[in-house]
Amino acid sequence: MFKYEIIIYWSKEDDAFVAEVPELPGCMAHGRTQTAALKNINEAIQLWIDTAKEFGDLIPEPQGGRPVPA
């Protein structure tokens, strides 16, 4: 589990719960339930971090203070 802020909200347009991570630009996921959206966003965070590492991009530290392993 990551310590990034996660915002979960209902999207009428998507007919699903949407989860966003403001500290990781473009990192979003959705699910039919809040639990599913949370599970999916944690997978998306890992993919976001893996991709950033692959391209040598900066990985923001979670505001909670937990460093991201290099």
PDB file of N, CA and C in Angstrom:
ATOM      1  N   MET A   1       0.846  -1.175   0.000  1.00  0.00           N
ATOM      2  CA  MET A   1       0.000   0.000   0.000  1.00  0.00           C
ATOM      3  C   MET A   1       0.890   1.236   0.000  1.00  0.00           C
ATOM      4  N   PHE A   2       0.532   2.180  -0.848  1.00  0.00           N
ATOM      5  CA  PHE A   2       1.296   3.411  -0.968  1.00  0.00           C
ATOM      6  C   PHE A   2       0.709   4.485  -0.058  1.00  0.00           C
ATOM      7  N   LYS A   3       1.486   5.517   0.199  1.00  0.00           N
ATOM      8  CA  LYS A   3       1.040   6.582   1.096  1.00  0.00           C
ATOM      9  C   LYS A   3       0.737   7.871   0.347  1.00  0.00           C
ATOM     10  N   TYR A   4       0.389   7.744  -0.916  1.00  0.00           N
ATOM     11  CA  TYR A   4      -0.030   8.906  -1.684  1.00  0.00           C
ATOM     12  C   TYR A   4      -1.493   9.214  -1.373  1.00  0.00           C
ATOM     13  N   GLU A   5      -1.838  10.494  -1.445  1.00  0.00           N
ATOM     14  CA  GLU A   5      -3.234  10.894  -1.280  1.00  0.00           C
ATOM     15  C   GLU A   5      -4.036  10.330  -2.447  1.00  0.00           C
ATOM     16  N   ILE A   6      -5.173   9.726  -2.133  1.00  0.00           N
ATOM     17  CA  ILE A   6      -6.069   9.177  -3.151  1.00  0.00           C
ATOM     18  C   ILE A   6      -7.435   9.823  -2.956  1.00  0.00           C
ATOM     19  N   ILE A   7      -7.961  10.369  -4.038  1.00  0.00           N
ATOM     20  CA  ILE A   7      -9.295  10.958  -4.014  1.00  0.00           C
ATOM     21  C   ILE A   7     -10.216  10.035  -4.805  1.00  0.00           C
ATOM     22  N   ILE A   8     -11.312   9.607  -4.170  1.00  0.00           N
ATOM     23  CA  ILE A   8     -12.281   8.732  -4.827  1.00  0.00           C
ATOM     24  C   ILE A   8     -13.614   9.473  -4.879  1.00  0.00           C
ATOM     25  N   TYR A   9     -14.213   9.498  -6.073  1.00  0.00           N
ATOM     26  CA  TYR A   9     -15.502  10.164  -6.239  1.00  0.00           C
ATOM     27  C   TYR A   9     -16.348   9.417  -7.268  1.00  0.00           C
ATOM     28  N   TRP A  10     -17.643   9.632  -7.212  1.00  0.00           N
ATOM     29  CA  TRP A  10     -18.562   9.012  -8.160  1.00  0.00           C
ATOM     30  C   TRP A  10     -18.629   9.881  -9.411  1.00  0.00           C
ATOM     31  N   SER A  11     -18.494   9.256 -10.568  1.00  0.00           N
ATOM     32  CA  SER A  11     -18.623   9.945 -11.844  1.00  0.00           C
ATOM     33  C   SER A  11     -19.903   9.475 -12.524  1.00  0.00           C
ATOM     34  N   LYS A  12     -20.864  10.357 -12.596  1.00  0.00           N
ATOM     35  CA  LYS A  12     -22.125  10.035 -13.267  1.00  0.00           C
ATOM     36  C   LYS A  12     -21.864   9.747 -14.748  1.00  0.00           C
ATOM     37  N   GLU A  13     -20.969  10.528 -15.330  1.00  0.00           N
ATOM     38  CA  GLU A  13     -20.624  10.374 -16.748  1.00  0.00           C
ATOM     39  C   GLU A  13     -20.056   8.984 -17.051  1.00  0.00           C
ATOM     40  N   ASP A  14     -19.177   8.496 -16.157  1.00  0.00           N
ATOM     41  CA  ASP A  14     -18.543   7.189 -16.352  1.00  0.00           C
ATOM     42  C   ASP A  14     -19.343   6.057 -15.721  1.00  0.00           C
ATOM     43  N   ASP A  15     -20.331   6.408 -14.893  1.00  0.00           N
ATOM     44  CA  ASP A  15     -21.128   5.427 -14.158  1.00  0.00           C
ATOM     45  C   ASP A  15     -20.220   4.497 -13.347  1.00  0.00           C
ATOM     46  N   ALA A  16     -19.251   5.127 -12.673  1.00  0.00           N
ATOM     47  CA  ALA A  16     -18.270   4.367 -11.891  1.00  0.00           C
ATOM     48  C   ALA A  16     -17.631   5.290 -10.863  1.00  0.00           C
ATOM     49  N   PHE A  17     -16.974   4.672  -9.878  1.00  0.00           N
ATOM     50  CA  PHE A  17     -16.158   5.437  -8.946  1.00  0.00           C
ATOM     51  C   PHE A  17     -14.809   5.684  -9.615  1.00  0.00           C
ATOM     52  N   VAL A  18     -14.309   6.893  -9.487  1.00  0.00           N
ATOM     53  CA  VAL A  18     -13.022   7.273 -10.065  1.00  0.00           C
ATOM     54  C   VAL A  18     -12.068   7.577  -8.920  1.00  0.00           C
ATOM     55  N   ALA A  19     -10.848   7.084  -9.042  1.00  0.00           N
ATOM     56  CA  ALA A  19      -9.802   7.346  -8.051  1.00  0.00           C
ATOM     57  C   ALA A  19      -8.672   8.102  -8.746  1.00  0.00           C
ATOM     58  N   GLU A  20      -8.219   9.172  -8.113  1.00  0.00           N
ATOM     59  CA  GLU A  20      -7.126   9.981  -8.650  1.00  0.00           C
ATOM     60  C   GLU A  20      -6.039  10.162  -7.597  1.00  0.00           C
ATOM     61  N   VAL A  21      -4.799  10.297  -8.065  1.00  0.00           N
ATOM     62  CA  VAL A  21      -3.661  10.570  -7.186  1.00  0.00           C
ATOM     63  C   VAL A  21      -3.078  11.913  -7.626  1.00  0.00           C
ATOM     64  N   PRO A  22      -3.443  13.001  -6.933  1.00  0.00           N
ATOM     65  CA  PRO A  22      -2.996  14.330  -7.353  1.00  0.00           C
ATOM     66  C   PRO A  22      -1.475  14.482  -7.460  1.00  0.00           C
ATOM     67  N   GLU A  23      -0.727  13.756  -6.645  1.00  0.00           N
ATOM     68  CA  GLU A  23       0.738  13.892  -6.653  1.00  0.00           C
ATOM     69  C   GLU A  23       1.397  13.213  -7.857  1.00  0.00           C
ATOM     70  N   LEU A  24       0.649  12.343  -8.545  1.00  0.00           N
ATOM     71  CA  LEU A  24       1.183  11.630  -9.700  1.00  0.00           C
ATOM     72  C   LEU A  24       0.335  12.010 -10.918  1.00  0.00           C
ATOM     73  N   PRO A  25       0.775  12.981 -11.690  1.00  0.00           N
ATOM     74  CA  PRO A  25      -0.023  13.493 -12.804  1.00  0.00           C
ATOM     75  C   PRO A  25      -0.520  12.381 -13.743  1.00  0.00           C
ATOM     76  N   GLY A  26      -1.817  12.402 -13.977  1.00  0.00           N
ATOM     77  CA  GLY A  26      -2.418  11.435 -14.897  1.00  0.00           C
ATOM     78  C   GLY A  26      -2.713  10.085 -14.288  1.00  0.00           C
ATOM     79  N   CYS A  27      -2.403   9.893 -13.020  1.00  0.00           N
ATOM     80  CA  CYS A  27      -2.618   8.596 -12.383  1.00  0.00           C
ATOM     81  C   CYS A  27      -4.069   8.520 -11.899  1.00  0.00           C
ATOM     82  N   MET A  28      -4.861   7.727 -12.634  1.00  0.00           N
ATOM     83  CA  MET A  28      -6.284   7.575 -12.338  1.00  0.00           C
ATOM     84  C   MET A  28      -6.698   6.132 -12.581  1.00  0.00           C
ATOM     85  N   ALA A  29      -7.788   5.740 -11.942  1.00  0.00           N
ATOM     86  CA  ALA A  29      -8.371   4.414 -12.160  1.00  0.00           C
ATOM     87  C   ALA A  29      -9.849   4.508 -11.799  1.00  0.00           C
ATOM     88  N   HIS A  30     -10.589   3.491 -12.141  1.00  0.00           N
ATOM     89  CA  HIS A  30     -12.007   3.486 -11.800  1.00  0.00           C
ATOM     90  C   HIS A  30     -12.437   2.085 -11.375  1.00  0.00           C
ATOM     91  N   GLY A  31     -13.646   2.005 -10.842  1.00  0.00           N
ATOM     92  CA  GLY A  31     -14.197   0.719 -10.431  1.00  0.00           C
ATOM     93  C   GLY A  31     -15.687   0.842 -10.186  1.00  0.00           C
ATOM     94  N   ARG A  32     -16.374  -0.276 -10.202  1.00  0.00           N
ATOM     95  CA  ARG A  32     -17.818  -0.284  -9.961  1.00  0.00           C
ATOM     96  C   ARG A  32     -18.150   0.042  -8.506  1.00  0.00           C
ATOM     97  N   THR A  33     -17.185  -0.219  -7.595  1.00  0.00           N
ATOM     98  CA  THR A  33     -17.349   0.097  -6.183  1.00  0.00           C
ATOM     99  C   THR A  33     -16.146   0.915  -5.724  1.00  0.00           C
ATOM    100  N   GLN A  34     -16.273   1.530  -4.545  1.00  0.00           N
ATOM    101  CA  GLN A  34     -15.136   2.268  -3.997  1.00  0.00           C
ATOM    102  C   GLN A  34     -13.960   1.326  -3.732  1.00  0.00           C
ATOM    103  N   THR A  35     -14.262   0.124  -3.267  1.00  0.00           N
ATOM    104  CA  THR A  35     -13.211  -0.866  -2.994  1.00  0.00           C
ATOM    105  C   THR A  35     -12.482  -1.243  -4.276  1.00  0.00           C
ATOM    106  N   ALA A  36     -13.234  -1.442  -5.347  1.00  0.00           N
ATOM    107  CA  ALA A  36     -12.611  -1.796  -6.632  1.00  0.00           C
ATOM    108  C   ALA A  36     -11.756  -0.641  -7.152  1.00  0.00           C
ATOM    109  N   ALA A  37     -12.252   0.582  -7.010  1.00  0.00           N
ATOM    110  CA  ALA A  37     -11.479   1.747  -7.454  1.00  0.00           C
ATOM    111  C   ALA A  37     -10.185   1.863  -6.664  1.00  0.00           C
ATOM    112  N   LEU A  38     -10.236   1.591  -5.356  1.00  0.00           N
ATOM    113  CA  LEU A  38      -9.033   1.651  -4.524  1.00  0.00           C
ATOM    114  C   LEU A  38      -8.024   0.577  -4.929  1.00  0.00           C
ATOM    115  N   LYS A  39      -8.500  -0.630  -5.174  1.00  0.00           N
ATOM    116  CA  LYS A  39      -7.615  -1.716  -5.629  1.00  0.00           C
ATOM    117  C   LYS A  39      -6.956  -1.332  -6.951  1.00  0.00           C
ATOM    118  N   ASN A  40      -7.767  -0.812  -7.871  1.00  0.00           N
ATOM    119  CA  ASN A  40      -7.254  -0.460  -9.194  1.00  0.00           C
ATOM    120  C   ASN A  40      -6.280   0.712  -9.146  1.00  0.00           C
ATOM    121  N   ILE A  41      -6.520   1.683  -8.267  1.00  0.00           N
ATOM    122  CA  ILE A  41      -5.605   2.822  -8.206  1.00  0.00           C
ATOM    123  C   ILE A  41      -4.265   2.404  -7.609  1.00  0.00           C
ATOM    124  N   ASN A  42      -4.259   1.455  -6.699  1.00  0.00           N
ATOM    125  CA  ASN A  42      -2.977   0.984  -6.161  1.00  0.00           C
ATOM    126  C   ASN A  42      -2.160   0.289  -7.247  1.00  0.00           C
ATOM    127  N   GLU A  43      -2.822  -0.448  -8.129  1.00  0.00           N
ATOM    128  CA  GLU A  43      -2.124  -1.048  -9.277  1.00  0.00           C
ATOM    129  C   GLU A  43      -1.623   0.048 -10.216  1.00  0.00           C
ATOM    130  N   ALA A  44      -2.450   1.087 -10.432  1.00  0.00           N
ATOM    131  CA  ALA A  44      -2.063   2.187 -11.315  1.00  0.00           C
ATOM    132  C   ALA A  44      -0.870   2.961 -10.745  1.00  0.00           C
ATOM    133  N   ILE A  45      -0.835   3.143  -9.430  1.00  0.00           N
ATOM    134  CA  ILE A  45       0.304   3.818  -8.798  1.00  0.00           C
ATOM    135  C   ILE A  45       1.589   3.032  -9.071  1.00  0.00           C
ATOM    136  N   GLN A  46       1.531   1.721  -8.895  1.00  0.00           N
ATOM    137  CA  GLN A  46       2.723   0.904  -9.136  1.00  0.00           C
ATOM    138  C   GLN A  46       3.175   1.018 -10.592  1.00  0.00           C
ATOM    139  N   LEU A  47       2.230   0.977 -11.518  1.00  0.00           N
ATOM    140  CA  LEU A  47       2.566   1.123 -12.937  1.00  0.00           C
ATOM    141  C   LEU A  47       3.141   2.507 -13.222  1.00  0.00           C
ATOM    142  N   TRP A  48       2.577   3.542 -12.597  1.00  0.00           N
ATOM    143  CA  TRP A  48       3.068   4.905 -12.786  1.00  0.00           C
ATOM    144  C   TRP A  48       4.522   4.996 -12.327  1.00  0.00           C
ATOM    145  N   ILE A  49       4.805   4.455 -11.150  1.00  0.00           N
ATOM    146  CA  ILE A  49       6.164   4.489 -10.601  1.00  0.00           C
ATOM    147  C   ILE A  49       7.118   3.673 -11.469  1.00  0.00           C
ATOM    148  N   ASP A  50       6.703   2.479 -11.875  1.00  0.00           N
ATOM    149  CA  ASP A  50       7.556   1.639 -12.735  1.00  0.00           C
ATOM    150  C   ASP A  50       7.890   2.345 -14.049  1.00  0.00           C
ATOM    151  N   THR A  51       6.902   3.011 -14.639  1.00  0.00           N
ATOM    152  CA  THR A  51       7.124   3.727 -15.899  1.00  0.00           C
ATOM    153  C   THR A  51       8.058   4.910 -15.693  1.00  0.00           C
ATOM    154  N   ALA A  52       7.860   5.649 -14.595  1.00  0.00           N
ATOM    155  CA  ALA A  52       8.733   6.786 -14.305  1.00  0.00           C
ATOM    156  C   ALA A  52      10.181   6.317 -14.132  1.00  0.00           C
ATOM    157  N   LYS A  53      10.373   5.209 -13.434  1.00  0.00           N
ATOM    158  CA  LYS A  53      11.728   4.659 -13.251  1.00  0.00           C
ATOM    159  C   LYS A  53      12.337   4.279 -14.596  1.00  0.00           C
ATOM    160  N   GLU A  54      11.538   3.650 -15.436  1.00  0.00           N
ATOM    161  CA  GLU A  54      12.014   3.199 -16.748  1.00  0.00           C
ATOM    162  C   GLU A  54      12.517   4.374 -17.590  1.00  0.00           C
ATOM    163  N   PHE A  55      11.839   5.515 -17.493  1.00  0.00           N
ATOM    164  CA  PHE A  55      12.207   6.675 -18.300  1.00  0.00           C
ATOM    165  C   PHE A  55      13.072   7.676 -17.552  1.00  0.00           C
ATOM    166  N   GLY A  56      13.436   7.358 -16.305  1.00  0.00           N
ATOM    167  CA  GLY A  56      14.280   8.242 -15.524  1.00  0.00           C
ATOM    168  C   GLY A  56      13.576   9.506 -15.063  1.00  0.00           C
ATOM    169  N   ASP A  57      12.258   9.462 -14.972  1.00  0.00           N
ATOM    170  CA  ASP A  57      11.483  10.622 -14.532  1.00  0.00           C
ATOM    171  C   ASP A  57      11.489  10.736 -13.007  1.00  0.00           C
ATOM    172  N   LEU A  58      11.268  11.948 -12.533  1.00  0.00           N
ATOM    173  CA  LEU A  58      11.197  12.210 -11.105  1.00  0.00           C
ATOM    174  C   LEU A  58       9.947  11.550 -10.522  1.00  0.00           C
ATOM    175  N   ILE A  59      10.104  10.888  -9.398  1.00  0.00           N
ATOM    176  CA  ILE A  59       8.982  10.272  -8.687  1.00  0.00           C
ATOM    177  C   ILE A  59       8.750  11.102  -7.428  1.00  0.00           C
ATOM    178  N   PRO A  60       7.611  11.802  -7.366  1.00  0.00           N
ATOM    179  CA  PRO A  60       7.350  12.625  -6.181  1.00  0.00           C
ATOM    180  C   PRO A  60       7.272  11.777  -4.918  1.00  0.00           C
ATOM    181  N   GLU A  61       7.789  12.330  -3.839  1.00  0.00           N
ATOM    182  CA  GLU A  61       7.669  11.648  -2.552  1.00  0.00           C
ATOM    183  C   GLU A  61       6.252  11.827  -2.049  1.00  0.00           C
ATOM    184  N   PRO A  62       5.670  10.785  -1.469  1.00  0.00           N
ATOM    185  CA  PRO A  62       4.326  10.944  -0.903  1.00  0.00           C
ATOM    186  C   PRO A  62       4.335  12.018   0.175  1.00  0.00           C
ATOM    187  N   GLN A  63       3.272  12.785   0.260  1.00  0.00           N
ATOM    188  CA  GLN A  63       3.203  13.813   1.288  1.00  0.00           C
ATOM    189  C   GLN A  63       3.260  13.227   2.676  1.00  0.00           C
ATOM    190  N   GLY A  64       2.945  11.926   2.781  1.00  0.00           N
ATOM    191  CA  GLY A  64       3.034  11.245   4.072  1.00  0.00           C
ATOM    192  C   GLY A  64       4.452  11.016   4.525  1.00  0.00           C
ATOM    193  N   GLY A  65       5.432  11.285   3.658  1.00  0.00           N
ATOM    194  CA  GLY A  65       6.825  11.187   4.033  1.00  0.00           C
ATOM    195  C   GLY A  65       7.501   9.865   3.735  1.00  0.00           C
ATOM    196  N   ARG A  66       6.774   8.899   3.185  1.00  0.00           N
ATOM    197  CA  ARG A  66       7.378   7.599   2.871  1.00  0.00           C
ATOM    198  C   ARG A  66       8.154   7.708   1.569  1.00  0.00           C
ATOM    199  N   PRO A  67       9.467   7.488   1.587  1.00  0.00           N
ATOM    200  CA  PRO A  67      10.232   7.568   0.354  1.00  0.00           C
ATOM    201  C   PRO A  67       9.916   6.413  -0.583  1.00  0.00           C
ATOM    202  N   VAL A  68       9.976   6.691  -1.861  1.00  0.00           N
ATOM    203  CA  VAL A  68       9.752   5.664  -2.873  1.00  0.00           C
ATOM    204  C   VAL A  68      11.097   5.036  -3.201  1.00  0.00           C
ATOM    205  N   PRO A  69      11.228   3.708  -3.100  1.00  0.00           N
ATOM    206  CA  PRO A  69      12.508   3.066  -3.406  1.00  0.00           C
ATOM    207  C   PRO A  69      12.944   3.331  -4.839  1.00  0.00           C
ATOM    208  N   ALA A  70      14.208   3.553  -5.040  1.00  0.00           N
ATOM    209  CA  ALA A  70      14.728   3.830  -6.389  1.00  0.00           C
ATOM    210  C   ALA A  70      14.888   2.557  -7.182  1.00  0.00           C
TER     211      ALA A  70
END
